[in-house]
Amino acid sequence: MSPSSPASPAGSSPPPSAAIAPASGGGARDEQDTARVAGRGGVAVLGAKVFFLVVGFVQQPLLRFAVGLSDFGGLAQALVVANTVNNVVVSSSTQGVSRAVAGAPGHEAAALRAAMRVHVPVAIVVAAAMAAAAPAYASFEHADDVVVPLLVLALVALLYGIYAPIIGYLNGTRRFARQAGLDVIFATLRTVGLIGFGYAFVRHGLSGVLGTTVGWVAAAACIVPLALRSADLGAGVVRGRSEDAPAASVPRTGPYLMMLLPIAGAQLCTNVLMQIDIALLGRFLSRAPAVMGAEAEAHRQAVKTWVAIYKECQTFAFLPYQLLFSVTLILFPMLARARAVGDEAGVRTFVARGARLAAIFGGLLVGVLVALPESVLSFAYGRADAARGADVLRVMALGQAAFAMLGIATTVLTSLGRERAAALLTLGAVVLVGGACALLVPSAEFGHEQLLRSAEATAVGLAATLALSAVVVRMCAGAFVPAATAARVGLALTACLALGYVTPCVGRFVTPFAALAVAGAYVAILAVTREIATSDVAMVRALRSRKAA
């Protein structure tokens, strides 16, 4: 992710690439040049994000084998806080600076300097707060061993608070190739740092969790100077120190901070929603009769092992959400443009088409996961882990499918200027998921049963929120997923689910072919029921053309 975790995209706020300033009046040629630059830049940035997602996905099993199952679980508990904080810092900083810089043509350096007067102090405060909260979170999780890694990860949050505004500056000044290049470099550095340092620490008898966090800090410390050099900020800032910069174009501290708060709030709700189930699971797993000494250590190792299994399932379950993020990149500017010109029919058309495609493509991936949960887990993590997490992944995949479509719904609402409704729906999902987990998980038997209950509770909370979101989107936009599409996709998923109960776990070599067979069956069902037609191919091509434009 760029530079956040693989689960960072959030439908409740626009992607950074949406904050590009329009070209100033210069005729048709200027507009064509701007469109060409934006199109090429969009391809570069999207390519970098795909690279980051792929690297992030491969990174998980490599980390699992580098530090061991137990330390992988301990790292997962530490990342609950780190990923939440980092994603909020990155998204709000990138979007805020991009908008500020794009809105100050000719005074970009001055706009960046003004924005950095906000972001640097905020980064320091956030890092200090994260470090101060580390003991309280460790106490909540009954996991004293995550305190030191969290203190190290606070440095990552600080460095991200400097790095992300630079990415926003590159985005706002349309230097997309440099932005994409930094994303690729950082993805590589972070992967090497996490795995390399984690493995080295374990080999020397030290904590693999601590090793991975040290590697992450090292990667972030390397990317910040590279970003400063890539952005040419030394010369740019000097040239930008003009005293006659228009007050209207260079952001002032107060208004700029007020602009950041809604972005950060929406991102906070989304990222808490993504982490709350595993955070509560770690706490409920840790509840046990008072034990001391070796028994306490053995129980802690068991807790980390089961958290690791749940984290492994999340690696696959979040894939539909990450896949559908590309739909939001296309849908957001199209909807915003249609609403700006008062084209209500266009809004309804774009929402219906975008939501329909999201349901079909998301259902394709979910169908594979519910049909082959043990096989795909075995492919990445080995048979022993897969046997303990297969039914958990099956339930979790269905729940995260609802989360992915919730992301589409909140993107629609944000595109139509209903940011508050989107944030409230996401906050409601946090409450529902947290309440369901608190109600169902503690009473379950320790271990596998608690993992399964957690996945079920999360799925129930997300499904309920999605149902409410569908009603709200239809009220605001006049459309969402067509009822016929929902029924046909549901039928195809039911068939894949039934197939999963009679399909045995297959080997690593066979798994990709089995996945293709399941995907083929899913598509065949939609074709037979006339949900998919040749016109859909033309529509996808048209969407791609609109995105490039």
Protein backbone atom coordinates (compact mmCIF):
# COMPACT_ATOMS: atom_id res chain seq x y z
CA MET A 1 0.00 0.00 0.00
CA SER A 2 1.09 3.47 -0.49
CA PRO A 3 2.65 3.80 2.01
CA SER A 4 0.12 2.25 4.34
CA SER A 5 -0.86 -1.32 4.89
CA PRO A 6 -2.53 -3.42 2.18
CA ALA A 7 -5.88 -2.62 3.63
CA SER A 8 -5.64 1.14 3.46
CA PRO A 9 -7.99 2.18 0.61
CA ALA A 10 -11.18 3.60 2.04
CA GLY A 11 -14.36 4.19 0.21
CA SER A 12 -15.47 6.92 2.57
CA SER A 13 -13.08 9.47 1.11
CA PRO A 14 -11.76 10.26 -2.34
CA PRO A 15 -8.45 8.79 -3.46
CA PRO A 16 -5.49 11.19 -3.61
CA SER A 17 -5.49 11.02 -7.40
CA ALA A 18 -8.90 12.69 -7.40
CA ALA A 19 -7.38 15.88 -6.02
CA ILE A 20 -5.81 17.14 -9.26
CA ALA A 21 -6.19 20.77 -10.14
CA PRO A 22 -7.81 21.51 -13.47
CA ALA A 23 -5.74 23.19 -16.11
CA SER A 24 -6.01 26.90 -16.40
CA GLY A 25 -7.72 28.30 -19.43
CA GLY A 26 -5.60 27.66 -22.48
CA GLY A 27 -7.89 26.27 -25.12
CA ALA A 28 -8.59 22.79 -26.41
CA ARG A 29 -4.92 21.91 -26.77
CA ASP A 30 -4.22 22.66 -23.10
CA GLU A 31 -7.21 20.53 -22.09
CA GLN A 32 -5.99 17.66 -24.27
CA ASP A 33 -2.49 17.92 -22.81
CA THR A 34 -3.90 17.94 -19.30
CA ALA A 35 -6.05 14.90 -20.06
CA ARG A 36 -3.06 13.10 -21.55
CA VAL A 37 -0.87 13.84 -18.53
CA ALA A 38 -3.62 12.83 -16.12
CA GLY A 39 -4.28 9.63 -18.03
CA ARG A 40 -0.64 8.59 -18.07
CA GLY A 41 -0.24 9.64 -14.47
CA GLY A 42 -3.30 7.65 -13.44
CA VAL A 43 -1.86 4.56 -15.11
CA ALA A 44 1.48 5.07 -13.35
CA VAL A 45 -0.07 5.60 -9.91
CA LEU A 46 -2.51 2.73 -10.31
CA GLY A 47 0.31 0.47 -11.48
CA ALA A 48 2.32 1.38 -8.38
CA LYS A 49 -0.66 0.65 -6.16
CA VAL A 50 -1.14 -2.74 -7.80
CA PHE A 51 2.56 -3.43 -7.24
CA PHE A 52 2.21 -2.42 -3.59
CA LEU A 53 -0.82 -4.68 -3.15
CA VAL A 54 0.92 -7.66 -4.75
CA VAL A 55 4.06 -7.12 -2.69
CA GLY A 56 1.97 -6.69 0.46
CA PHE A 57 0.13 -9.94 -0.26
CA VAL A 58 3.33 -11.90 -0.88
CA GLN A 59 4.90 -10.26 2.16
CA GLN A 60 2.50 -11.92 4.62
CA PRO A 61 3.44 -15.59 4.07
CA LEU A 62 7.11 -14.65 3.82
CA LEU A 63 6.88 -12.89 7.18
CA ARG A 64 5.07 -15.88 8.64
CA PHE A 65 7.92 -18.20 7.74
CA ALA A 66 10.67 -15.69 8.58
CA VAL A 67 9.60 -15.05 12.19
CA GLY A 68 7.43 -18.09 12.96
CA LEU A 69 3.72 -18.47 13.63
CA SER A 70 3.78 -17.13 17.19
CA ASP A 71 5.71 -13.94 16.42
CA PHE A 72 3.54 -13.43 13.34
CA GLY A 73 0.56 -13.33 15.69
CA GLY A 74 2.32 -10.92 18.03
CA LEU A 75 3.10 -8.67 15.08
CA ALA A 76 -0.56 -8.80 14.03
CA GLN A 77 -1.57 -7.47 17.45
CA ALA A 78 0.95 -4.63 17.22
CA LEU A 79 -0.21 -3.76 13.71
CA VAL A 80 -3.76 -3.18 14.92
CA VAL A 81 -2.59 0.17 16.27
CA ALA A 82 0.17 0.86 13.76
CA ASN A 83 -1.93 0.25 10.64
CA THR A 84 -4.82 2.33 11.97
CA VAL A 85 -2.60 5.30 12.80
CA ASN A 86 -0.46 5.06 9.67
CA ASN A 87 -3.40 4.80 7.28
CA VAL A 88 -5.07 7.85 8.79
CA VAL A 89 -1.83 9.85 8.67
CA VAL A 90 -1.06 8.83 5.09
CA SER A 91 -4.53 9.36 3.63
CA SER A 92 -5.24 12.68 5.29
CA SER A 93 -1.74 14.05 4.62
CA THR A 94 -1.64 12.98 0.99
CA GLN A 95 -5.10 14.22 0.14
CA GLY A 96 -4.78 17.44 2.12
CA VAL A 97 -1.45 18.51 0.61
CA SER A 98 -2.50 17.45 -2.89
CA ARG A 99 -5.59 19.66 -2.69
CA ALA A 100 -3.66 22.58 -1.18
CA VAL A 101 -0.88 22.46 -3.76
CA ALA A 102 -3.24 21.94 -6.70
CA GLY A 103 -5.25 24.94 -5.52
CA ALA A 104 -2.23 27.27 -5.50
CA PRO A 105 -0.92 27.35 -9.10
CA GLY A 106 2.36 29.20 -9.29
CA HIS A 107 2.78 29.08 -5.52
CA GLU A 108 3.03 25.31 -4.98
CA ALA A 109 6.13 25.51 -2.77
CA ALA A 110 4.52 28.15 -0.57
CA ALA A 111 1.43 25.99 -0.26
CA LEU A 112 3.55 23.00 0.73
CA ARG A 113 5.45 25.06 3.28
CA ALA A 114 2.19 26.24 4.80
CA ALA A 115 0.84 22.68 4.91
CA MET A 116 4.02 21.35 6.50
CA ARG A 117 3.61 23.83 9.34
CA VAL A 118 0.56 21.75 10.19
CA HIS A 119 1.73 18.25 9.31
CA VAL A 120 5.09 18.19 11.09
CA PRO A 121 3.70 19.18 14.51
CA VAL A 122 0.74 16.85 14.00
CA ALA A 123 3.13 13.98 13.15
CA ILE A 124 5.08 14.62 16.34
CA VAL A 125 1.90 14.73 18.44
CA VAL A 126 0.51 11.57 16.82
CA ALA A 127 3.77 9.65 17.32
CA ALA A 128 4.00 10.77 20.94
CA ALA A 129 0.37 9.81 21.57
CA MET A 130 0.92 6.40 19.98
CA ALA A 131 3.96 5.80 22.19
CA ALA A 132 2.10 6.96 25.29
CA ALA A 133 -0.87 4.72 24.51
CA ALA A 134 1.26 1.61 23.93
CA PRO A 135 1.11 0.36 27.57
CA ALA A 136 -2.66 0.90 27.74
CA TYR A 137 -3.23 -1.05 24.52
CA ALA A 138 -0.92 -3.84 25.70
CA SER A 139 -2.89 -4.03 28.94
CA PHE A 140 -6.16 -4.19 26.99
CA GLU A 141 -4.79 -7.07 24.92
CA HIS A 142 -3.03 -8.72 27.89
CA ALA A 143 0.08 -8.60 25.70
CA ASP A 144 2.96 -6.85 27.46
CA ASP A 145 5.36 -8.05 24.78
CA VAL A 146 3.94 -5.64 22.18
CA VAL A 147 4.85 -2.48 24.13
CA VAL A 148 8.41 -2.16 22.81
CA PRO A 149 7.44 -2.91 19.17
CA LEU A 150 4.73 -0.26 19.42
CA LEU A 151 7.25 2.28 20.71
CA VAL A 152 9.39 1.51 17.65
CA LEU A 153 6.36 1.77 15.35
CA ALA A 154 5.65 5.24 16.72
CA LEU A 155 8.78 6.31 14.83
CA VAL A 156 7.21 4.92 11.65
CA ALA A 157 4.15 7.11 12.23
CA LEU A 158 6.42 10.13 12.67
CA LEU A 159 8.30 9.43 9.44
CA TYR A 160 5.04 8.79 7.56
CA GLY A 161 3.84 12.19 8.74
CA ILE A 162 6.76 13.71 6.80
CA TYR A 163 6.74 11.36 3.82
CA ALA A 164 3.01 11.45 2.99
CA PRO A 165 2.85 15.24 2.52
CA ILE A 166 5.69 14.96 0.01
CA ILE A 167 3.66 12.37 -1.91
CA GLY A 168 0.72 14.78 -1.80
CA TYR A 169 2.97 17.53 -3.17
CA LEU A 170 4.03 15.33 -6.10
CA ASN A 171 0.39 14.44 -6.75
CA GLY A 172 -0.78 18.04 -6.62
CA THR A 173 1.98 19.14 -9.02
CA ARG A 174 1.13 16.24 -11.40
CA ARG A 175 4.52 14.52 -11.05
CA PHE A 176 2.81 11.15 -11.12
CA ALA A 177 5.76 9.14 -12.41
CA ARG A 178 7.89 10.23 -9.45
CA GLN A 179 5.02 9.50 -7.07
CA ALA A 180 4.64 6.01 -8.53
CA GLY A 181 8.39 5.43 -8.44
CA LEU A 182 8.59 6.30 -4.76
CA ASP A 183 5.67 3.96 -4.02
CA VAL A 184 7.46 1.09 -5.77
CA ILE A 185 10.77 1.82 -4.06
CA PHE A 186 9.16 2.04 -0.65
CA ALA A 187 7.20 -1.19 -1.17
CA THR A 188 10.46 -2.95 -1.90
CA LEU A 189 12.38 -1.35 0.96
CA ARG A 190 9.65 -2.11 3.47
CA THR A 191 9.37 -5.74 2.42
CA VAL A 192 13.12 -6.27 2.60
CA GLY A 193 13.29 -4.50 5.96
CA LEU A 194 10.41 -6.38 7.56
CA ILE A 195 11.50 -9.82 6.44
CA GLY A 196 15.26 -9.31 6.60
CA PHE A 197 15.40 -7.74 10.07
CA GLY A 198 12.73 -10.08 11.41
CA TYR A 199 14.62 -13.16 10.23
CA ALA A 200 17.94 -11.82 11.54
CA PHE A 201 16.49 -11.12 14.99
CA VAL A 202 14.99 -14.61 15.22
CA ARG A 203 18.27 -16.22 14.14
CA HIS A 204 20.02 -14.41 17.01
CA GLY A 205 17.44 -15.47 19.58
CA LEU A 206 15.67 -12.11 19.70
CA SER A 207 12.05 -11.13 19.17
CA GLY A 208 10.93 -11.45 15.58
CA VAL A 209 8.21 -8.88 16.25
CA LEU A 210 10.79 -6.33 17.34
CA GLY A 211 12.99 -7.18 14.36
CA THR A 212 10.24 -6.53 11.84
CA THR A 213 9.38 -3.18 13.39
CA VAL A 214 13.03 -2.11 13.36
CA GLY A 215 13.18 -3.08 9.69
CA TRP A 216 10.09 -0.99 9.00
CA VAL A 217 11.65 2.06 10.67
CA ALA A 218 14.82 1.56 8.62
CA ALA A 219 12.80 1.47 5.40
CA ALA A 220 10.84 4.61 6.33
CA ALA A 221 14.05 6.41 7.31
CA CYS A 222 15.47 5.63 3.86
CA ILE A 223 12.43 6.73 1.87
CA VAL A 224 12.06 10.18 3.45
CA PRO A 225 15.34 11.64 2.08
CA LEU A 226 14.70 9.93 -1.25
CA ALA A 227 11.29 11.58 -1.40
CA LEU A 228 12.73 15.00 -0.55
CA ARG A 229 15.29 14.64 -3.31
CA SER A 230 12.75 13.32 -5.82
CA ALA A 231 10.45 16.29 -5.17
CA ASP A 232 13.32 18.81 -5.58
CA LEU A 233 12.00 20.51 -2.48
CA GLY A 234 15.17 22.41 -1.66
CA ALA A 235 15.05 24.57 -4.77
CA GLY A 236 11.26 24.54 -4.91
CA VAL A 237 10.80 25.89 -1.42
CA VAL A 238 13.39 28.64 -1.96
CA ARG A 239 11.67 29.76 -5.15
CA GLY A 240 8.30 29.62 -3.41
CA ARG A 241 9.19 32.20 -0.76
CA SER A 242 7.47 35.09 -2.43
CA GLU A 243 5.88 37.62 -0.15
CA ASP A 244 3.15 38.41 -2.66
CA ALA A 245 1.63 34.92 -2.75
CA PRO A 246 -2.16 35.39 -2.83
CA ALA A 247 -3.72 34.68 0.54
CA ALA A 248 -6.59 32.87 -1.17
CA SER A 249 -4.32 30.31 -2.84
CA VAL A 250 -1.91 29.45 -0.01
CA PRO A 251 -3.71 27.64 2.81
CA ARG A 252 -3.83 29.19 6.25
CA THR A 253 -3.24 26.98 9.26
CA GLY A 254 -6.73 27.12 10.77
CA PRO A 255 -8.81 26.48 7.64
CA TYR A 256 -6.34 23.88 6.40
CA LEU A 257 -6.54 21.97 9.67
CA MET A 258 -10.33 22.10 9.57
CA MET A 259 -10.21 20.68 6.04
CA LEU A 260 -8.03 17.79 7.25
CA LEU A 261 -10.25 16.79 10.15
CA PRO A 262 -13.16 15.30 8.13
CA ILE A 263 -10.72 13.33 5.96
CA ALA A 264 -8.91 11.99 9.01
CA GLY A 265 -12.19 11.21 10.78
CA ALA A 266 -13.54 9.21 7.86
CA GLN A 267 -10.27 7.31 7.52
CA LEU A 268 -10.20 6.62 11.25
CA CYS A 269 -13.68 5.08 11.18
CA THR A 270 -12.81 2.89 8.19
CA ASN A 271 -9.52 1.66 9.63
CA VAL A 272 -10.96 0.97 13.07
CA LEU A 273 -13.63 -1.08 11.31
CA MET A 274 -10.93 -3.09 9.55
CA GLN A 275 -9.04 -3.80 12.79
CA ILE A 276 -11.66 -4.05 15.53
CA ASP A 277 -12.40 -7.77 15.13
CA ILE A 278 -8.79 -8.92 15.46
CA ALA A 279 -8.18 -6.46 18.33
CA LEU A 280 -11.13 -7.81 20.30
CA LEU A 281 -10.22 -11.38 19.38
CA GLY A 282 -6.76 -10.93 20.91
CA ARG A 283 -8.32 -9.61 24.11
CA PHE A 284 -10.91 -12.39 24.39
CA LEU A 285 -8.38 -15.11 23.63
CA SER A 286 -6.18 -13.76 26.41
CA ARG A 287 -8.89 -14.10 29.04
CA ALA A 288 -7.95 -17.15 31.08
CA PRO A 289 -7.71 -18.28 34.70
CA ALA A 290 -4.79 -16.72 36.51
CA VAL A 291 -1.61 -18.57 35.58
CA MET A 292 1.99 -17.90 36.45
CA GLY A 293 5.42 -18.63 35.08
CA ALA A 294 5.69 -21.26 32.38
CA GLU A 295 1.93 -21.71 32.17
CA ALA A 296 1.42 -18.00 31.51
CA GLU A 297 4.07 -18.04 28.80
CA ALA A 298 2.53 -21.11 27.18
CA HIS A 299 -0.89 -19.46 27.18
CA ARG A 300 0.54 -16.31 25.63
CA GLN A 301 2.16 -18.38 22.87
CA ALA A 302 -1.17 -20.10 22.22
CA VAL A 303 -2.95 -16.75 21.98
CA LYS A 304 -0.43 -15.43 19.46
CA THR A 305 -0.74 -18.63 17.44
CA TRP A 306 -4.51 -18.30 17.10
CA VAL A 307 -4.26 -14.58 16.32
CA ALA A 308 -1.77 -15.51 13.59
CA ILE A 309 -4.24 -17.98 12.07
CA TYR A 310 -6.92 -15.27 12.01
CA LYS A 311 -4.45 -12.83 10.41
CA GLU A 312 -3.65 -15.41 7.73
CA CYS A 313 -7.35 -15.65 6.89
CA GLN A 314 -7.57 -11.87 6.66
CA THR A 315 -4.81 -11.88 4.05
CA PHE A 316 -7.24 -13.50 1.62
CA ALA A 317 -10.52 -12.13 2.97
CA PHE A 318 -9.48 -8.51 2.32
CA LEU A 319 -8.75 -9.21 -1.36
CA PRO A 320 -12.29 -8.32 -2.58
CA TYR A 321 -12.05 -4.92 -0.89
CA GLN A 322 -8.65 -4.27 -2.43
CA LEU A 323 -9.90 -5.38 -5.85
CA LEU A 324 -12.94 -3.11 -5.71
CA PHE A 325 -10.80 -0.13 -4.76
CA SER A 326 -10.03 0.22 -8.48
CA VAL A 327 -13.76 0.60 -9.10
CA THR A 328 -13.87 3.53 -6.67
CA LEU A 329 -11.00 5.22 -8.54
CA ILE A 330 -13.18 5.21 -11.65
CA LEU A 331 -16.53 5.81 -9.99
CA PHE A 332 -15.64 8.79 -7.80
CA PRO A 333 -14.68 11.35 -10.49
CA MET A 334 -17.48 10.20 -12.82
CA LEU A 335 -20.13 10.67 -10.13
CA ALA A 336 -18.69 13.97 -8.93
CA ARG A 337 -18.68 15.30 -12.49
CA ALA A 338 -22.26 14.17 -13.19
CA ARG A 339 -23.54 15.72 -9.96
CA ALA A 340 -21.64 18.97 -10.64
CA VAL A 341 -23.47 19.47 -13.95
CA GLY A 342 -26.82 18.43 -12.52
CA ASP A 343 -27.05 15.19 -14.52
CA GLU A 344 -29.22 13.17 -12.14
CA ALA A 345 -29.91 10.50 -14.79
CA GLY A 346 -26.17 10.14 -15.29
CA VAL A 347 -25.68 9.76 -11.53
CA ARG A 348 -28.22 6.94 -11.38
CA THR A 349 -26.65 5.24 -14.40
CA PHE A 350 -23.10 5.44 -13.07
CA VAL A 351 -24.12 4.21 -9.61
CA ALA A 352 -26.10 1.27 -10.97
CA ARG A 353 -23.38 0.25 -13.41
CA GLY A 354 -20.52 0.72 -10.98
CA ALA A 355 -22.27 -1.15 -8.15
CA ARG A 356 -23.31 -3.94 -10.51
CA LEU A 357 -19.75 -4.44 -11.79
CA ALA A 358 -18.44 -4.32 -8.22
CA ALA A 359 -20.89 -7.02 -7.15
CA ILE A 360 -19.96 -9.25 -10.10
CA PHE A 361 -16.18 -8.87 -9.81
CA GLY A 362 -16.18 -9.02 -6.01
CA GLY A 363 -18.42 -12.08 -6.10
CA LEU A 364 -15.97 -13.81 -8.44
CA LEU A 365 -13.15 -13.61 -5.91
CA VAL A 366 -15.41 -14.44 -2.96
CA GLY A 367 -16.70 -17.49 -4.84
CA VAL A 368 -13.17 -18.86 -5.15
CA LEU A 369 -12.46 -18.26 -1.47
CA VAL A 370 -15.64 -19.93 -0.18
CA ALA A 371 -15.12 -22.89 -2.51
CA LEU A 372 -11.41 -23.45 -1.78
CA PRO A 373 -10.62 -21.92 1.63
CA GLU A 374 -8.31 -24.68 2.81
CA SER A 375 -6.55 -24.96 -0.53
CA VAL A 376 -5.75 -21.24 -0.83
CA LEU A 377 -4.56 -21.06 2.79
CA SER A 378 -2.41 -24.14 2.23
CA PHE A 379 -1.00 -22.58 -0.92
CA ALA A 380 0.36 -19.61 1.06
CA TYR A 381 0.86 -20.89 4.61
CA GLY A 382 1.00 -24.69 4.57
CA ARG A 383 -1.48 -27.44 5.41
CA ALA A 384 -1.16 -27.25 9.18
CA ASP A 385 -2.28 -23.62 9.31
CA ALA A 386 -4.89 -24.18 6.60
CA ALA A 387 -6.61 -26.96 8.51
CA ARG A 388 -7.19 -24.62 11.46
CA GLY A 389 -8.41 -21.66 9.43
CA ALA A 390 -10.41 -23.05 6.49
CA ASP A 391 -13.93 -22.62 7.89
CA VAL A 392 -12.94 -19.29 9.45
CA LEU A 393 -11.86 -18.00 6.03
CA ARG A 394 -15.09 -19.21 4.44
CA VAL A 395 -17.20 -17.12 6.84
CA MET A 396 -14.77 -14.22 6.83
CA ALA A 397 -14.79 -14.02 3.02
CA LEU A 398 -18.56 -13.57 3.01
CA GLY A 399 -18.32 -10.87 5.68
CA GLN A 400 -15.56 -8.99 3.88
CA ALA A 401 -17.60 -9.13 0.68
CA ALA A 402 -20.17 -7.03 2.53
CA PHE A 403 -17.35 -4.71 3.65
CA ALA A 404 -16.16 -4.30 0.05
CA MET A 405 -19.65 -3.33 -1.14
CA LEU A 406 -19.97 -1.01 1.86
CA GLY A 407 -16.86 0.72 0.51
CA ILE A 408 -18.62 1.22 -2.82
CA ALA A 409 -21.67 2.63 -1.03
CA THR A 410 -19.66 5.14 1.01
CA THR A 411 -17.73 6.17 -2.12
CA VAL A 412 -21.04 6.95 -3.84
CA LEU A 413 -22.22 9.01 -0.88
CA THR A 414 -18.92 10.90 -0.66
CA SER A 415 -18.99 11.58 -4.40
CA LEU A 416 -22.44 13.11 -4.01
CA GLY A 417 -21.39 15.38 -1.17
CA ARG A 418 -22.83 13.20 1.60
CA GLU A 419 -19.57 12.72 3.50
CA ARG A 420 -21.31 12.88 6.87
CA ALA A 421 -23.71 10.08 5.95
CA ALA A 422 -20.79 7.95 4.75
CA ALA A 423 -18.87 8.53 7.97
CA LEU A 424 -21.92 7.78 10.13
CA LEU A 425 -22.55 4.51 8.30
CA THR A 426 -18.94 3.46 8.82
CA LEU A 427 -19.09 4.45 12.48
CA GLY A 428 -22.31 2.46 12.82
CA ALA A 429 -20.55 -0.56 11.35
CA VAL A 430 -17.79 -0.20 13.97
CA VAL A 431 -20.38 -0.23 16.73
CA LEU A 432 -22.28 -3.20 15.28
CA VAL A 433 -19.17 -5.30 14.66
CA GLY A 434 -17.69 -4.47 18.05
CA GLY A 435 -20.96 -5.21 19.83
CA ALA A 436 -21.46 -8.49 17.99
CA CYS A 437 -17.92 -9.61 18.79
CA ALA A 438 -18.32 -8.66 22.46
CA LEU A 439 -21.57 -10.60 22.60
CA LEU A 440 -20.55 -13.79 20.78
CA VAL A 441 -16.80 -14.33 21.15
CA PRO A 442 -16.06 -14.39 24.93
CA SER A 443 -18.40 -17.32 25.63
CA ALA A 444 -16.92 -19.52 22.90
CA GLU A 445 -14.36 -22.22 23.62
CA PHE A 446 -10.75 -21.02 23.52
CA GLY A 447 -9.03 -21.22 20.14
CA HIS A 448 -10.68 -22.19 16.90
CA GLU A 449 -14.23 -21.69 18.15
CA GLN A 450 -13.46 -18.10 19.15
CA LEU A 451 -11.96 -17.39 15.73
CA LEU A 452 -15.07 -18.74 14.03
CA ARG A 453 -17.38 -16.73 16.31
CA SER A 454 -15.36 -13.59 15.60
CA ALA A 455 -15.68 -14.08 11.84
CA GLU A 456 -19.42 -14.72 12.20
CA ALA A 457 -19.97 -11.67 14.39
CA THR A 458 -18.05 -9.46 11.98
CA ALA A 459 -20.02 -10.79 9.02
CA VAL A 460 -23.34 -10.12 10.77
CA GLY A 461 -22.37 -6.53 11.64
CA LEU A 462 -21.08 -5.77 8.15
CA ALA A 463 -24.09 -7.34 6.43
CA ALA A 464 -26.49 -5.29 8.56
CA THR A 465 -24.61 -2.08 7.77
CA LEU A 466 -24.53 -2.89 4.07
CA ALA A 467 -28.30 -3.38 4.05
CA LEU A 468 -28.78 0.04 5.65
CA SER A 469 -26.22 1.60 3.29
CA ALA A 470 -28.08 0.25 0.26
CA VAL A 471 -31.23 2.01 1.44
CA VAL A 472 -29.39 5.30 2.03
CA VAL A 473 -27.63 5.18 -1.35
CA ARG A 474 -30.90 4.50 -3.16
CA MET A 475 -32.46 7.47 -1.40
CA CYS A 476 -29.56 9.76 -2.36
CA ALA A 477 -28.63 8.46 -5.81
CA GLY A 478 -31.74 6.63 -6.94
CA ALA A 479 -29.86 3.39 -7.57
CA PHE A 480 -27.44 0.81 -6.19
CA VAL A 481 -26.91 -2.87 -7.01
CA PRO A 482 -29.89 -3.96 -9.15
CA ALA A 483 -32.09 -6.52 -7.41
CA ALA A 484 -31.71 -8.99 -10.29
CA THR A 485 -27.92 -8.73 -10.11
CA ALA A 486 -27.92 -9.29 -6.35
CA ALA A 487 -30.09 -12.40 -6.77
CA ARG A 488 -27.97 -13.87 -9.57
CA VAL A 489 -24.65 -13.18 -7.82
CA GLY A 490 -26.13 -14.68 -4.66
CA LEU A 491 -27.13 -17.80 -6.61
CA ALA A 492 -23.63 -18.14 -8.06
CA LEU A 493 -22.03 -17.71 -4.63
CA THR A 494 -24.38 -20.30 -3.15
CA ALA A 495 -23.27 -22.76 -5.84
CA CYS A 496 -19.60 -22.02 -5.09
CA LEU A 497 -20.26 -22.47 -1.37
CA ALA A 498 -21.93 -25.83 -1.99
CA LEU A 499 -19.04 -26.86 -4.20
CA GLY A 500 -16.64 -26.02 -1.38
CA TYR A 501 -18.21 -28.55 0.99
CA VAL A 502 -17.50 -31.41 -1.41
CA THR A 503 -14.12 -30.29 -2.74
CA PRO A 504 -11.07 -31.66 -0.90
CA CYS A 505 -7.95 -29.65 -0.19
CA VAL A 506 -5.62 -29.81 -3.19
CA GLY A 507 -1.89 -29.27 -3.49
CA ARG A 508 -0.08 -26.04 -4.29
CA PHE A 509 0.40 -26.93 -7.95
CA VAL A 510 -3.27 -27.77 -8.45
CA THR A 511 -4.73 -24.84 -6.47
CA PRO A 512 -4.43 -22.19 -9.24
CA PHE A 513 -6.16 -24.51 -11.71
CA ALA A 514 -8.87 -25.34 -9.20
CA ALA A 515 -9.41 -21.63 -8.61
CA LEU A 516 -9.77 -21.05 -12.35
CA ALA A 517 -12.30 -23.88 -12.53
CA VAL A 518 -14.39 -22.36 -9.73
CA ALA A 519 -14.16 -18.93 -11.36
CA GLY A 520 -15.30 -20.48 -14.63
CA ALA A 521 -18.29 -22.08 -12.93
CA TYR A 522 -19.20 -18.74 -11.32
CA VAL A 523 -19.05 -16.92 -14.66
CA ALA A 524 -21.00 -19.72 -16.36
CA ILE A 525 -23.85 -19.41 -13.86
CA LEU A 526 -24.04 -15.66 -14.43
CA ALA A 527 -23.96 -16.20 -18.18
CA VAL A 528 -26.71 -18.83 -18.07
CA THR A 529 -28.89 -16.55 -15.94
CA ARG A 530 -28.16 -13.74 -18.45
CA GLU A 531 -26.47 -11.51 -15.92
CA ILE A 532 -23.32 -11.35 -18.07
CA ALA A 533 -23.67 -10.48 -21.74
CA THR A 534 -21.40 -9.28 -24.53
CA SER A 535 -22.52 -5.73 -23.85
CA ASP A 536 -20.70 -5.89 -20.50
CA VAL A 537 -17.35 -6.17 -22.27
CA ALA A 538 -18.08 -2.99 -24.19
CA MET A 539 -19.16 -1.26 -20.98
CA VAL A 540 -15.92 -2.17 -19.20
CA ARG A 541 -13.92 -0.82 -22.13
CA ALA A 542 -15.94 2.40 -22.03
CA LEU A 543 -15.25 2.78 -18.31
CA ARG A 544 -11.52 2.33 -18.93
CA SER A 545 -11.63 4.96 -21.66
CA ARG A 546 -13.44 7.41 -19.35
CA LYS A 547 -10.86 6.78 -16.65
CA ALA A 548 -7.99 7.58 -19.01
CA ALA A 549 -9.77 10.78 -20.02
